[in-house]
Amino acid sequence: MLSHKKCRQTAGQITVFLALCAGLVVTVIMAEIESARYSAVMSAQKTSAMLACSSMLAEYNIPLFDQYGIFGVDSTGRDLTDAMKQKVLRNTGGFFGADISDVCLTDLCALTDENYDPLKKEIVQYMKTAGYIDVLKNSINQAQERQIGNMQYNKEQISQKLKEDEVRSAKAKSTYEANQTDTGEKTQVSVKPVNPPADPRKTLNHLLRSGLLTIILPAEFQISDKKLEKPSGDSGYFSKNVDFTSVRSVTKRLESVQFRLSDMIEEKGEDMIIYAYLQNKFKNALHMDHVLHDTKLDYEMEYVICGHLSDSANLLDTANRIALVRTVFNFAYLLTDGAKTASAHSLAASIAAALLMPWLETVIYSLILAAWAYGEAIMDLRALFRGAKVPLVKNASNWQLSLTGLTTMTADSTAGSSRDNYQSGLSYDDYLMILFMFSSQQKYLDRISDLMEANVALEKGYEYFRMEDCYYGIGCIVEYKIIPLFSGFMVGQRQICQWSECY
């Protein structure tokens, strides 16, 4: 009897022990499963955030991509936070689901942020993807690059020469007047001729009153009257014609534009890529047919360079800048041509004698050279706007305008501008590139953004499009709570995951 009772007591102890062991094993297994599930849920939420960001980036602005190859998430008229939350919720659920408590956006990077660095990256990436980098050609050779690099120095030298000649003439006048005072009589040093020589400086001044565009553009060229709707644009372009009888007026024009390459040299490759992109995606005054969509301006590349709100102002400013570039190179050549400088000296002496002011001969000589160089620049512009090419540095064989021709020059834009006279050199696009090389990167990226915004806004349904509301990169922070699988064993914990992505 006692033996049977003892056996039953021993069996009961074993059952309790096994139950405790089994409970402990089950608890450990459940804890391991819950722990693994926690890790899986956290990974799933991170994947969900990644997919949500990728999905947002996939909803890029279609006209912006179709017209310019630029990706950007347009936030105009939509709540990006709500859209992001819906995408996160869509990817959350099932065994690895969680209770989403909040979703907020982070790391928003607009195309216009950081001095347009995202826009610049997209442009360069587009050119690489489209294969333009491999075929990118520079029509300006290394020798011409050095000449362009020295343009600021040459311009300063010309300006300095004009000022020195003016000072020298003033001293000569003082000496002449002092000699007259010492002798006590006025000596007639020159007799005014019956027919004084024609002054090419005055001829050019009179010609410019017609307007530079009137002088250089072909008769069939119709100037666009389109304008960009923007609070303000760049001002201070060449609103007044230069007076070639005044040293101050000529030097002021020479000093109005700086040709410094210091900012360009380090980023030259990048700038060349962006210029090639402009040629591919934007219009200019001579090439418009490759752009098929509607545009707010017709002279878009001229706007990128000059920044005025109207096509007419941009075209005039561009023409004046090219004329200034050509004047600098033409003046530099004239100084090396003995026959031409001799002709200018002879005419200057005749004009000074006719004025009974021999001390003005030196300054009149320099101003005649400046007028002659500018007159040749007008001939160059006439050729460029007819699709011809103009050499960067002239020589005796391709110089077009004689000093007599300058004196009799008219507003006839066809005179001397035959394409046969200009078969080699740089085209209008090449001269735009030279002007672009001297532009501030910050300014031209800002203007590229202006054009993209204005042209996309012409599309139906995108009237309120703004580049500052178009995002290159986007991220999200998801706050969630993991619901325990085995209630009571583990308590739900608040978790945060973050993900950001860009094009």
Protein backbone atom coordinates (compact mmCIF):
# COMPACT_ATOMS: atom_id res chain seq x y z
CA MET A 1 0.00 0.00 0.00
CA LEU A 2 2.76 2.40 0.94
CA SER A 3 4.82 1.39 -2.06
CA HIS A 4 1.96 2.14 -4.47
CA LYS A 5 1.38 5.59 -2.86
CA LYS A 6 5.07 6.48 -3.13
CA CYS A 7 5.10 5.55 -6.82
CA ARG A 8 2.16 7.85 -7.55
CA GLN A 9 3.87 10.73 -5.69
CA THR A 10 7.07 10.32 -7.72
CA ALA A 11 5.13 10.31 -11.00
CA GLY A 12 3.38 13.56 -10.07
CA GLN A 13 6.70 15.28 -9.39
CA ILE A 14 8.02 14.30 -12.81
CA THR A 15 4.88 15.63 -14.53
CA VAL A 16 5.23 19.06 -12.88
CA PHE A 17 8.93 19.19 -13.68
CA LEU A 18 8.31 18.32 -17.32
CA ALA A 19 5.53 20.90 -17.51
CA LEU A 20 7.85 23.59 -16.13
CA CYS A 21 10.59 22.58 -18.55
CA ALA A 22 8.19 22.49 -21.45
CA GLY A 23 6.80 25.91 -20.50
CA LEU A 24 10.30 27.34 -20.33
CA VAL A 25 11.23 25.85 -23.70
CA VAL A 26 8.03 27.17 -25.28
CA THR A 27 8.66 30.62 -23.79
CA VAL A 28 12.19 30.68 -25.19
CA ILE A 29 10.96 29.55 -28.58
CA MET A 30 8.19 32.17 -28.59
CA ALA A 31 10.66 34.86 -27.55
CA GLU A 32 13.02 33.83 -30.37
CA ILE A 33 10.16 33.88 -32.87
CA GLU A 34 9.02 37.29 -31.65
CA SER A 35 12.57 38.62 -31.74
CA ALA A 36 13.08 37.34 -35.28
CA ARG A 37 9.73 38.81 -36.26
CA TYR A 38 10.73 42.17 -34.74
CA SER A 39 13.84 42.20 -36.89
CA ALA A 40 11.85 41.18 -39.94
CA VAL A 41 9.22 43.86 -39.28
CA MET A 42 11.92 46.53 -38.93
CA SER A 43 13.49 45.37 -42.20
CA ALA A 44 10.07 45.31 -43.87
CA GLN A 45 9.33 48.86 -42.71
CA LYS A 46 12.65 50.06 -44.05
CA THR A 47 11.86 48.38 -47.37
CA SER A 48 8.41 49.96 -47.27
CA ALA A 49 9.94 53.41 -46.77
CA MET A 50 12.40 52.76 -49.60
CA LEU A 51 9.62 51.64 -51.95
CA ALA A 52 7.52 54.65 -50.97
CA CYS A 53 10.40 57.04 -51.80
CA SER A 54 11.08 55.25 -55.08
CA SER A 55 7.39 55.36 -55.92
CA MET A 56 7.31 59.11 -55.25
CA LEU A 57 10.31 59.69 -57.51
CA ALA A 58 8.59 57.69 -60.24
CA GLU A 59 5.83 60.31 -60.32
CA TYR A 60 8.06 62.86 -62.06
CA ASN A 61 6.80 65.86 -63.98
CA ILE A 62 6.18 64.53 -67.51
CA PRO A 63 6.52 67.78 -69.57
CA LEU A 64 9.75 68.63 -67.74
CA PHE A 65 11.17 65.25 -68.68
CA ASP A 66 9.81 65.22 -72.23
CA GLN A 67 11.12 68.69 -73.04
CA TYR A 68 14.39 68.75 -71.12
CA GLY A 69 15.18 65.22 -69.90
CA ILE A 70 15.03 66.43 -66.30
CA PHE A 71 13.45 64.35 -63.52
CA GLY A 72 11.59 66.16 -60.76
CA VAL A 73 8.71 65.37 -58.39
CA ASP A 74 6.19 68.17 -58.79
CA SER A 75 4.46 69.15 -55.54
CA THR A 76 2.21 71.76 -57.15
CA GLY A 77 -1.40 71.21 -56.06
CA ARG A 78 -0.73 68.07 -54.02
CA ASP A 79 0.18 67.11 -50.45
CA LEU A 80 3.39 65.12 -50.69
CA THR A 81 3.21 64.09 -47.02
CA ASP A 82 -0.20 62.50 -47.46
CA ALA A 83 0.90 60.85 -50.70
CA MET A 84 3.96 59.42 -48.98
CA LYS A 85 1.88 58.08 -46.07
CA GLN A 86 -0.50 56.32 -48.47
CA LYS A 87 2.42 54.66 -50.21
CA VAL A 88 3.92 53.53 -46.89
CA LEU A 89 0.59 52.07 -45.75
CA ARG A 90 0.15 50.30 -49.06
CA ASN A 91 3.39 48.40 -48.46
CA THR A 92 2.67 47.62 -44.79
CA GLY A 93 0.61 44.63 -43.62
CA GLY A 94 0.50 40.87 -43.17
CA PHE A 95 2.62 38.87 -40.77
CA PHE A 96 5.34 41.50 -40.84
CA GLY A 97 2.94 44.40 -40.54
CA ALA A 98 3.09 47.21 -37.98
CA ASP A 99 0.87 49.92 -36.62
CA ILE A 100 1.93 53.13 -38.48
CA SER A 101 1.50 56.14 -36.22
CA ASP A 102 3.11 58.90 -38.29
CA VAL A 103 4.87 59.59 -41.61
CA CYS A 104 6.73 62.81 -42.31
CA LEU A 105 8.91 64.01 -45.18
CA THR A 106 12.59 64.73 -44.80
CA ASP A 107 15.64 65.49 -46.94
CA LEU A 108 13.54 67.37 -49.49
CA CYS A 109 15.90 68.71 -52.15
CA ALA A 110 14.42 70.94 -54.85
CA LEU A 111 16.06 71.34 -58.25
CA THR A 112 16.81 74.96 -57.33
CA ASP A 113 18.45 74.22 -53.96
CA GLU A 114 22.16 74.55 -53.21
CA ASN A 115 22.71 77.10 -55.99
CA TYR A 116 21.02 74.85 -58.55
CA ASP A 117 23.46 72.02 -57.96
CA PRO A 118 20.74 69.32 -58.39
CA LEU A 119 19.70 70.86 -61.72
CA LYS A 120 23.31 70.96 -62.87
CA LYS A 121 23.79 67.29 -61.92
CA GLU A 122 20.67 66.31 -63.84
CA ILE A 123 21.82 68.19 -66.95
CA VAL A 124 25.24 66.53 -66.89
CA GLN A 125 23.68 63.12 -66.24
CA TYR A 126 21.26 63.59 -69.13
CA MET A 127 24.12 64.46 -71.49
CA LYS A 128 26.01 61.34 -70.40
CA THR A 129 22.98 59.07 -70.68
CA ALA A 130 22.00 60.45 -74.07
CA GLY A 131 25.52 59.87 -75.35
CA TYR A 132 26.34 63.50 -76.08
CA ILE A 133 29.48 63.48 -73.93
CA ASP A 134 31.24 61.09 -76.30
CA VAL A 135 30.55 63.22 -79.37
CA LEU A 136 30.98 66.62 -77.71
CA LYS A 137 33.19 68.72 -79.97
CA ASN A 138 34.70 72.09 -79.30
CA SER A 139 34.99 74.21 -82.42
CA ILE A 140 37.42 76.53 -80.62
CA ASN A 141 40.96 75.18 -80.69
CA GLN A 142 43.63 75.64 -78.03
CA ALA A 143 45.28 78.58 -79.79
CA GLN A 144 41.95 80.39 -79.95
CA GLU A 145 41.32 79.55 -76.29
CA ARG A 146 44.55 81.32 -75.36
CA GLN A 147 43.52 84.32 -77.45
CA ILE A 148 40.14 84.41 -75.74
CA GLY A 149 41.85 84.12 -72.38
CA ASN A 150 43.94 87.18 -73.24
CA MET A 151 40.93 89.19 -74.39
CA GLN A 152 40.50 90.97 -71.05
CA TYR A 153 44.19 91.98 -71.13
CA ASN A 154 43.89 93.23 -74.71
CA LYS A 155 40.75 95.18 -73.86
CA GLU A 156 42.47 96.82 -70.89
CA GLN A 157 45.47 97.68 -73.06
CA ILE A 158 43.26 99.35 -75.67
CA SER A 159 41.41 101.31 -73.00
CA GLN A 160 44.71 102.33 -71.43
CA LYS A 161 46.10 103.45 -74.81
CA LEU A 162 43.07 105.68 -75.42
CA LYS A 163 43.41 107.29 -72.00
CA GLU A 164 47.15 107.83 -72.42
CA ASP A 165 46.63 109.38 -75.86
CA GLU A 166 44.06 111.73 -74.37
CA VAL A 167 46.51 112.78 -71.66
CA ARG A 168 49.26 113.19 -74.25
CA SER A 169 46.99 115.41 -76.35
CA ALA A 170 46.11 117.51 -73.32
CA LYS A 171 49.82 118.03 -72.60
CA ALA A 172 50.47 118.94 -76.24
CA LYS A 173 47.66 121.49 -76.06
CA SER A 174 49.13 123.02 -72.89
CA THR A 175 52.57 123.23 -74.52
CA TYR A 176 51.13 124.84 -77.64
CA GLU A 177 49.18 127.44 -75.64
CA ALA A 178 52.23 128.16 -73.46
CA ASN A 179 54.35 128.79 -76.55
CA GLN A 180 51.76 131.21 -77.87
CA THR A 181 51.71 133.04 -74.54
CA ASP A 182 55.52 133.32 -74.48
CA THR A 183 55.71 134.77 -77.99
CA GLY A 184 52.80 137.10 -77.34
CA GLU A 185 51.18 136.28 -80.64
CA LYS A 186 49.08 133.56 -82.10
CA THR A 187 50.82 131.56 -84.76
CA GLN A 188 48.59 130.01 -87.33
CA VAL A 189 49.85 126.43 -87.56
CA SER A 190 47.32 125.23 -90.01
CA VAL A 191 44.96 126.53 -92.63
CA LYS A 192 41.50 125.08 -92.66
CA PRO A 193 41.00 123.33 -95.99
CA VAL A 194 38.13 124.26 -98.25
CA ASN A 195 36.93 120.64 -98.30
CA PRO A 196 37.79 119.11 -94.89
CA PRO A 197 38.18 115.30 -94.91
CA ALA A 198 35.18 113.20 -93.98
CA ASP A 199 35.44 112.00 -90.38
CA PRO A 200 34.62 108.25 -90.21
CA ARG A 201 33.90 108.58 -86.49
CA LYS A 202 31.01 110.92 -87.15
CA THR A 203 29.78 108.72 -90.00
CA LEU A 204 29.68 105.74 -87.64
CA ASN A 205 27.95 107.75 -84.90
CA HIS A 206 25.27 108.83 -87.35
CA LEU A 207 24.87 105.27 -88.61
CA LEU A 208 24.40 103.87 -85.10
CA ARG A 209 21.49 106.23 -84.49
CA SER A 210 19.47 103.89 -86.73
CA GLY A 211 19.93 101.15 -84.15
CA LEU A 212 22.49 98.34 -84.23
CA LEU A 213 19.91 95.65 -85.05
CA THR A 214 18.63 97.70 -87.99
CA ILE A 215 22.16 97.88 -89.36
CA ILE A 216 23.15 94.22 -88.99
CA LEU A 217 20.02 92.09 -89.40
CA PRO A 218 18.86 90.81 -92.80
CA ALA A 219 15.76 92.48 -94.18
CA GLU A 220 13.78 89.24 -93.86
CA PHE A 221 14.65 88.83 -90.17
CA GLN A 222 11.63 89.44 -87.94
CA ILE A 223 12.52 90.38 -84.36
CA SER A 224 10.44 88.49 -81.82
CA ASP A 225 8.26 90.52 -79.46
CA LYS A 226 7.93 87.76 -76.86
CA LYS A 227 8.50 88.58 -73.20
CA LEU A 228 9.09 86.57 -70.06
CA GLU A 229 6.71 87.18 -67.18
CA LYS A 230 9.01 87.61 -64.23
CA PRO A 231 9.21 90.25 -61.47
CA SER A 232 12.54 91.55 -62.73
CA GLY A 233 15.37 90.80 -65.09
CA ASP A 234 18.89 92.05 -65.63
CA SER A 235 19.17 95.68 -66.65
CA GLY A 236 21.97 97.96 -67.68
CA TYR A 237 22.54 96.54 -71.14
CA PHE A 238 23.85 98.81 -73.93
CA SER A 239 20.94 101.23 -74.05
CA LYS A 240 23.09 104.04 -75.50
CA ASN A 241 25.28 104.01 -78.57
CA VAL A 242 28.98 104.62 -78.16
CA ASP A 243 30.29 108.03 -79.29
CA PHE A 244 33.47 107.46 -81.27
CA THR A 245 34.47 111.12 -80.98
CA SER A 246 34.79 110.73 -77.20
CA VAL A 247 37.54 108.78 -75.44
CA ARG A 248 35.38 108.55 -72.34
CA SER A 249 32.49 106.99 -74.25
CA VAL A 250 34.71 104.42 -75.99
CA THR A 251 36.56 103.41 -72.81
CA LYS A 252 33.29 103.20 -70.89
CA ARG A 253 31.97 100.74 -73.47
CA LEU A 254 35.19 98.72 -73.32
CA GLU A 255 35.00 98.53 -69.54
CA SER A 256 31.28 97.66 -69.46
CA VAL A 257 31.89 93.92 -69.85
CA GLN A 258 34.55 91.88 -68.09
CA PHE A 259 36.14 89.00 -69.98
CA ARG A 260 37.67 87.08 -67.11
CA LEU A 261 38.09 83.32 -67.28
CA SER A 262 39.24 82.73 -63.70
CA ASP A 263 35.89 81.26 -62.65
CA MET A 264 35.55 79.26 -65.84
CA ILE A 265 38.89 77.48 -66.10
CA GLU A 266 38.34 75.03 -63.24
CA GLU A 267 34.84 74.11 -64.42
CA LYS A 268 35.39 74.46 -68.13
CA GLY A 269 34.46 70.85 -68.96
CA GLU A 270 31.24 71.12 -67.00
CA ASP A 271 30.37 74.45 -68.62
CA MET A 272 30.98 73.02 -72.08
CA ILE A 273 28.61 70.14 -71.31
CA ILE A 274 25.93 72.56 -70.15
CA TYR A 275 26.42 74.72 -73.26
CA ALA A 276 26.04 71.63 -75.46
CA TYR A 277 22.83 70.89 -73.54
CA LEU A 278 21.59 74.42 -74.28
CA GLN A 279 22.26 73.94 -77.97
CA ASN A 280 20.30 70.70 -77.90
CA LYS A 281 17.30 71.84 -75.84
CA PHE A 282 16.92 75.60 -76.35
CA LYS A 283 16.44 78.01 -79.24
CA ASN A 284 18.58 80.90 -80.34
CA ALA A 285 17.99 83.67 -82.86
CA LEU A 286 19.30 81.59 -85.78
CA HIS A 287 18.31 78.06 -84.78
CA MET A 288 14.75 77.32 -83.64
CA ASP A 289 13.47 74.36 -85.68
CA HIS A 290 14.96 71.67 -83.40
CA VAL A 291 12.68 72.74 -80.51
CA LEU A 292 9.18 71.42 -81.19
CA HIS A 293 7.29 72.50 -78.06
CA ASP A 294 5.92 75.98 -77.36
CA THR A 295 8.33 78.40 -75.70
CA LYS A 296 7.86 81.63 -73.81
CA LEU A 297 10.84 83.22 -75.57
CA ASP A 298 12.30 82.64 -79.03
CA TYR A 299 15.84 83.77 -78.22
CA GLU A 300 16.38 81.45 -75.26
CA MET A 301 20.15 81.09 -75.37
CA GLU A 302 20.46 84.86 -75.63
CA TYR A 303 18.31 85.09 -72.48
CA VAL A 304 20.57 82.64 -70.64
CA ILE A 305 23.57 84.85 -71.49
CA CYS A 306 22.01 88.30 -71.00
CA GLY A 307 19.00 87.81 -68.71
CA HIS A 308 16.59 90.46 -70.02
CA LEU A 309 12.86 89.85 -70.02
CA SER A 310 12.21 90.50 -73.72
CA ASP A 311 13.58 88.82 -76.82
CA SER A 312 14.41 92.16 -78.43
CA ALA A 313 16.50 93.32 -75.46
CA ASN A 314 18.38 90.01 -75.31
CA LEU A 315 19.11 90.07 -79.04
CA LEU A 316 20.38 93.66 -78.87
CA ASP A 317 22.53 92.93 -75.83
CA THR A 318 23.97 89.80 -77.46
CA ALA A 319 24.76 91.70 -80.66
CA ASN A 320 26.49 94.44 -78.66
CA ARG A 321 28.54 91.91 -76.72
CA ILE A 322 29.64 90.11 -79.87
CA ALA A 323 30.46 93.52 -81.41
CA LEU A 324 32.61 94.30 -78.37
CA VAL A 325 34.44 90.97 -78.68
CA ARG A 326 35.04 91.58 -82.37
CA THR A 327 36.12 95.19 -81.75
CA VAL A 328 38.81 94.08 -79.31
CA PHE A 329 40.26 91.55 -81.77
CA ASN A 330 39.89 93.92 -84.74
CA PHE A 331 41.61 96.77 -82.88
CA ALA A 332 44.47 94.46 -81.90
CA TYR A 333 44.93 93.49 -85.54
CA LEU A 334 44.86 97.10 -86.79
CA LEU A 335 47.78 97.94 -84.52
CA THR A 336 49.86 95.28 -86.30
CA ASP A 337 49.01 96.40 -89.85
CA GLY A 338 51.44 99.11 -90.93
CA ALA A 339 49.49 100.20 -94.00
CA LYS A 340 46.23 100.62 -92.09
CA THR A 341 47.83 102.50 -89.20
CA ALA A 342 49.55 104.80 -91.68
CA SER A 343 46.19 105.56 -93.32
CA ALA A 344 44.64 106.26 -89.92
CA HIS A 345 47.57 108.55 -88.98
CA SER A 346 47.25 110.49 -92.23
CA LEU A 347 43.49 110.97 -91.80
CA ALA A 348 43.89 111.94 -88.14
CA ALA A 349 46.46 114.56 -89.07
CA SER A 350 44.15 116.01 -91.72
CA ILE A 351 41.21 116.17 -89.31
CA ALA A 352 43.32 117.78 -86.58
CA ALA A 353 44.64 120.34 -89.04
CA ALA A 354 41.12 121.09 -90.24
CA LEU A 355 40.10 121.73 -86.64
CA LEU A 356 43.20 123.94 -86.12
CA MET A 357 44.00 121.67 -83.18
CA PRO A 358 47.15 119.73 -84.09
CA TRP A 359 47.51 118.46 -80.52
CA LEU A 360 44.43 116.25 -81.08
CA GLU A 361 46.10 114.18 -83.78
CA THR A 362 47.15 111.38 -81.41
CA VAL A 363 43.78 110.92 -79.76
CA ILE A 364 41.91 111.25 -83.08
CA TYR A 365 44.18 108.55 -84.50
CA SER A 366 43.27 106.12 -81.68
CA LEU A 367 39.58 106.94 -81.96
CA ILE A 368 39.69 106.34 -85.73
CA LEU A 369 41.21 102.92 -85.06
CA ALA A 370 38.44 102.21 -82.53
CA ALA A 371 35.76 103.30 -85.01
CA TRP A 372 37.38 101.26 -87.77
CA ALA A 373 37.52 98.17 -85.54
CA TYR A 374 33.86 98.64 -84.61
CA GLY A 375 32.89 99.18 -88.24
CA GLU A 376 34.55 95.89 -89.13
CA ALA A 377 32.66 94.33 -86.20
CA ILE A 378 29.41 95.49 -87.83
CA MET A 379 30.46 93.73 -91.02
CA ASP A 380 31.22 90.63 -88.96
CA LEU A 381 27.79 90.73 -87.30
CA ARG A 382 26.07 91.06 -90.68
CA ALA A 383 27.86 87.91 -91.79
CA LEU A 384 27.09 85.99 -88.57
CA PHE A 385 23.37 86.72 -88.79
CA ARG A 386 23.41 85.32 -92.33
CA GLY A 387 24.84 82.05 -91.10
CA ALA A 388 28.43 82.71 -92.17
CA LYS A 389 31.57 82.35 -90.07
CA VAL A 390 33.96 85.02 -88.84
CA PRO A 391 37.60 84.33 -87.92
CA LEU A 392 38.49 85.12 -84.35
CA VAL A 393 41.69 86.89 -85.39
CA LYS A 394 41.68 88.80 -88.68
CA ASN A 395 44.46 89.24 -91.21
CA ALA A 396 44.94 91.28 -94.38
CA SER A 397 43.21 88.68 -96.56
CA ASN A 398 39.96 88.48 -94.59
CA TRP A 399 39.67 92.09 -93.46
CA GLN A 400 36.54 93.51 -95.13
CA LEU A 401 36.25 97.25 -94.44
CA SER A 402 38.56 99.91 -95.80
CA LEU A 403 38.91 103.30 -94.14
CA THR A 404 37.17 104.86 -97.13
CA GLY A 405 34.43 102.24 -96.82
CA LEU A 406 33.95 103.18 -93.19
CA THR A 407 33.49 106.81 -94.18
CA THR A 408 30.80 105.88 -96.72
CA MET A 409 29.20 103.09 -94.70
CA THR A 410 25.40 102.90 -94.84
CA ALA A 411 22.64 101.07 -93.00
CA ASP A 412 22.33 98.58 -95.85
CA SER A 413 22.79 95.32 -93.95
CA THR A 414 23.69 93.40 -97.12
CA ALA A 415 26.76 95.49 -97.92
CA GLY A 416 29.96 93.45 -97.73
CA SER A 417 28.37 90.59 -95.82
CA SER A 418 28.39 87.90 -98.48
CA ARG A 419 28.90 84.36 -97.18
CA ASP A 420 31.69 84.00 -99.76
CA ASN A 421 33.76 86.49 -97.80
CA TYR A 422 33.47 84.41 -94.61
CA GLN A 423 34.10 80.74 -95.31
CA SER A 424 36.09 79.84 -92.20
CA GLY A 425 36.16 80.87 -88.58
CA LEU A 426 33.57 80.82 -85.82
CA SER A 427 29.80 80.71 -86.26
CA TYR A 428 27.11 82.61 -84.36
CA ASP A 429 26.77 79.61 -82.03
CA ASP A 430 30.51 79.70 -81.36
CA TYR A 431 30.38 83.37 -80.41
CA LEU A 432 27.46 82.61 -78.11
CA MET A 433 29.68 80.01 -76.50
CA ILE A 434 32.40 82.60 -75.96
CA LEU A 435 29.89 84.89 -74.22
CA PHE A 436 28.60 81.91 -72.24
CA MET A 437 32.13 81.11 -71.06
CA PHE A 438 32.31 84.51 -69.39
CA SER A 439 28.90 84.15 -67.72
CA SER A 440 28.42 83.43 -64.03
CA GLN A 441 27.37 79.81 -63.48
CA GLN A 442 24.91 80.88 -60.80
CA LYS A 443 23.23 83.31 -63.19
CA TYR A 444 22.95 81.05 -66.20
CA LEU A 445 21.59 78.14 -64.13
CA ASP A 446 19.01 80.52 -62.68
CA ARG A 447 17.99 81.59 -66.19
CA ILE A 448 17.85 78.00 -67.46
CA SER A 449 15.50 77.28 -64.57
CA ASP A 450 13.38 80.31 -65.53
CA LEU A 451 12.96 79.04 -69.08
CA MET A 452 12.11 75.50 -68.00
CA GLU A 453 9.50 76.82 -65.58
CA ALA A 454 7.93 79.20 -68.10
CA ASN A 455 7.79 76.61 -70.91
CA VAL A 456 6.40 73.77 -68.79
CA ALA A 457 3.73 76.19 -67.51
CA LEU A 458 2.54 76.56 -71.12
CA GLU A 459 1.38 72.93 -71.06
CA LYS A 460 -2.26 72.25 -70.20
CA GLY A 461 -2.67 71.26 -66.58
CA TYR A 462 0.74 72.62 -65.55
CA GLU A 463 -0.09 76.33 -65.50
CA TYR A 464 1.09 76.74 -61.88
CA PHE A 465 4.28 74.76 -62.20
CA ARG A 466 7.24 76.12 -60.24
CA MET A 467 10.80 74.84 -60.33
CA GLU A 468 11.25 75.53 -56.60
CA ASP A 469 8.41 73.07 -55.94
CA CYS A 470 10.00 70.37 -58.09
CA TYR A 471 12.11 67.94 -56.05
CA TYR A 472 15.25 66.10 -57.06
CA GLY A 473 15.49 64.10 -53.85
CA ILE A 474 12.99 63.06 -51.18
CA GLY A 475 12.99 61.09 -47.93
CA CYS A 476 10.63 60.01 -45.19
CA ILE A 477 10.60 59.18 -41.49
CA VAL A 478 8.12 56.44 -40.52
CA GLU A 479 7.10 56.11 -36.89
CA TYR A 480 5.46 52.78 -36.13
CA LYS A 481 4.63 50.33 -33.35
CA ILE A 482 5.21 46.60 -33.67
CA ILE A 483 2.20 44.58 -32.49
CA PRO A 484 3.38 41.50 -30.49
CA LEU A 485 2.50 38.15 -32.06
CA PHE A 486 2.25 36.48 -28.67
CA SER A 487 0.40 38.93 -26.51
CA GLY A 488 1.65 39.12 -22.95
CA PHE A 489 5.13 37.88 -23.65
CA MET A 490 6.43 41.06 -25.21
CA VAL A 491 5.19 44.63 -25.17
CA GLY A 492 4.80 46.59 -28.43
CA GLN A 493 7.65 49.10 -28.84
CA ARG A 494 7.74 52.42 -30.68
CA GLN A 495 10.18 52.30 -33.62
CA ILE A 496 11.43 54.81 -36.19
CA CYS A 497 12.88 54.13 -39.62
CA GLN A 498 14.24 56.69 -42.08
CA TRP A 499 15.02 56.53 -45.79
CA SER A 500 15.89 59.06 -48.46
CA GLU A 501 16.46 58.77 -52.19
CA CYS A 502 17.23 60.98 -55.19
CA TYR A 503 17.39 60.68 -58.96
